[in-house]
Protein backbone atom coordinates (compact mmCIF):
# COMPACT_ATOMS: atom_id res chain seq x y z
CA MET A 1 -12.27 -0.04 -23.92
CA VAL A 2 -9.51 -0.21 -21.34
CA LEU A 3 -9.39 1.45 -17.92
CA ARG A 4 -6.18 3.50 -17.69
CA GLY A 5 -5.52 5.81 -14.79
CA GLY A 6 -9.17 5.76 -13.77
CA LEU A 7 -10.36 6.73 -17.27
CA TRP A 8 -11.72 4.58 -20.05
CA VAL A 9 -9.73 4.82 -23.26
CA SER A 10 -10.18 3.13 -26.58
CA ALA A 11 -7.97 0.09 -27.05
CA LEU A 12 -8.76 -0.10 -30.75
CA PRO A 13 -6.21 1.14 -33.26
CA LEU A 14 -7.29 3.79 -35.70
CA ILE A 15 -9.07 2.35 -38.71
CA ALA A 16 -6.79 2.08 -41.70
CA VAL A 17 -8.12 3.37 -44.99
CA PRO A 18 -7.53 0.89 -47.81
CA SER A 19 -4.73 1.98 -50.10
CA LEU A 20 -5.72 3.57 -53.35
CA THR A 21 -4.83 2.13 -56.70
CA PRO A 22 -1.77 3.93 -58.08
CA LEU A 23 -2.95 6.87 -60.13
CA CYS A 24 -0.61 6.14 -63.03
CA THR A 25 -2.40 2.84 -63.78
CA MET A 26 -5.90 4.33 -63.67
CA GLU A 27 -8.00 5.82 -66.38
CA PRO A 28 -9.07 9.44 -65.76
CA SER A 29 -12.69 8.30 -65.56
CA ASP A 30 -11.81 6.10 -62.57
CA TYR A 31 -10.35 9.02 -60.58
CA SER A 32 -13.67 10.39 -59.41
CA SER A 33 -15.01 7.03 -58.28
CA GLU A 34 -11.75 6.25 -56.45
CA ILE A 35 -11.76 9.68 -54.81
CA GLN A 36 -15.42 9.30 -53.87
CA GLU A 37 -14.73 5.90 -52.32
CA ASP A 38 -11.78 7.36 -50.41
CA TRP A 39 -13.94 10.18 -49.02
CA THR A 40 -16.65 7.71 -48.06
CA ASN A 41 -14.09 5.58 -46.19
CA ARG A 42 -12.68 8.64 -44.44
CA GLU A 43 -16.16 9.81 -43.41
CA ASN A 44 -16.96 6.36 -42.06
CA SER A 45 -13.70 6.29 -40.12
CA GLU A 46 -14.40 9.75 -38.72
CA THR A 47 -17.93 8.72 -37.70
CA ILE A 48 -16.63 5.63 -35.91
CA CYS A 49 -13.89 7.61 -34.12
CA THR A 50 -16.38 10.29 -33.04
CA SER A 51 -18.78 7.65 -31.76
CA LEU A 52 -16.01 5.93 -29.82
CA LYS A 53 -14.95 9.23 -28.27
CA THR A 54 -18.54 9.89 -27.22
CA VAL A 55 -18.81 6.45 -25.61
CA VAL A 56 -15.46 6.90 -23.82
CA GLU A 57 -16.51 10.33 -22.49
CA PHE A 58 -19.80 8.88 -21.23
CA LEU A 59 -18.01 5.98 -19.53
CA ASN A 60 -15.55 8.36 -17.86
CA ARG A 61 -18.38 10.55 -16.52
CA PHE A 62 -20.29 7.46 -15.36
CA HIS A 63 -17.20 6.04 -13.64
CA SER A 64 -16.55 9.32 -11.86
CA SER A 65 -20.19 9.62 -10.78
CA CYS A 66 -20.28 6.04 -9.48
CA ARG A 67 -17.02 6.50 -7.60
CA THR A 68 -18.38 9.62 -5.87
CA ARG A 69 -21.67 7.97 -4.97
CA LEU A 70 -19.94 4.86 -3.64
CA ALA A 71 -17.65 7.00 -1.48
CA GLU A 72 -20.70 8.78 -0.03
CA MET A 73 -22.42 5.45 0.60
CA ASP A 74 -19.28 4.12 2.30
CA ASN A 75 -19.23 7.12 4.65
CA ARG A 76 -22.90 6.62 5.51
CA LEU A 77 -22.35 2.92 6.22
CA LYS A 78 -19.39 3.68 8.48
CA THR A 79 -21.52 6.19 10.42
CA LEU A 80 -24.30 3.62 10.83
CA GLU A 81 -21.81 0.97 11.98
CA ARG A 82 -20.46 3.34 14.66
CA LYS A 83 -24.02 4.07 15.85
CA MET A 84 -24.80 0.34 16.00
CA ASP A 85 -21.62 -0.31 18.01
CA ARG A 86 -22.64 2.42 20.46
CA LEU A 87 -26.16 0.98 20.81
CA ASP A 88 -24.73 -2.50 21.28
CA ALA A 89 -22.43 -1.22 24.03
CA HIS A 90 -25.34 0.58 25.76
CA THR A 91 -27.50 -2.53 25.55
CA ALA A 92 -24.75 -4.74 26.97
CA TYR A 93 -24.16 -2.22 29.78
CA ASN A 94 -27.89 -2.06 30.63
CA VAL A 95 -28.15 -5.86 30.69
CA THR A 96 -25.17 -6.03 33.06
CA ILE A 97 -26.69 -3.39 35.36
CA GLN A 98 -30.06 -5.17 35.42
CA GLU A 99 -28.38 -8.49 36.30
CA GLN A 100 -26.52 -6.82 39.16
CA ILE A 101 -29.76 -5.24 40.44
CA ARG A 102 -31.50 -8.65 40.35
CA ARG A 103 -28.63 -10.30 42.23
CA ASN A 104 -28.67 -7.57 44.87
CA ALA A 105 -32.46 -7.81 45.20
CA ALA A 106 -32.27 -11.60 45.56
CA THR A 107 -29.80 -11.42 48.44
């Protein structure tokens, strides 16, 4: 799987079906077994491709969901950081005022 444009896509090439034996060199009795083997290979290839598509779709949905949740979490953290900065400023201001009051009371 490869991430392209924010979506996961399969990096695997399509599965090649083995070439069939030329029909002119085969006995008629071999046709059905060769055809059956070909259909089995095609079904297996289709199953693998379908499974890969399912995995890719899941990964794309998961990626999108995680991106949204992380953006929400980032916004919450920024809000908390602003609140902490405000509290820090208030605390520093109050400490400064208290020190000035003590100095004035001491004189």
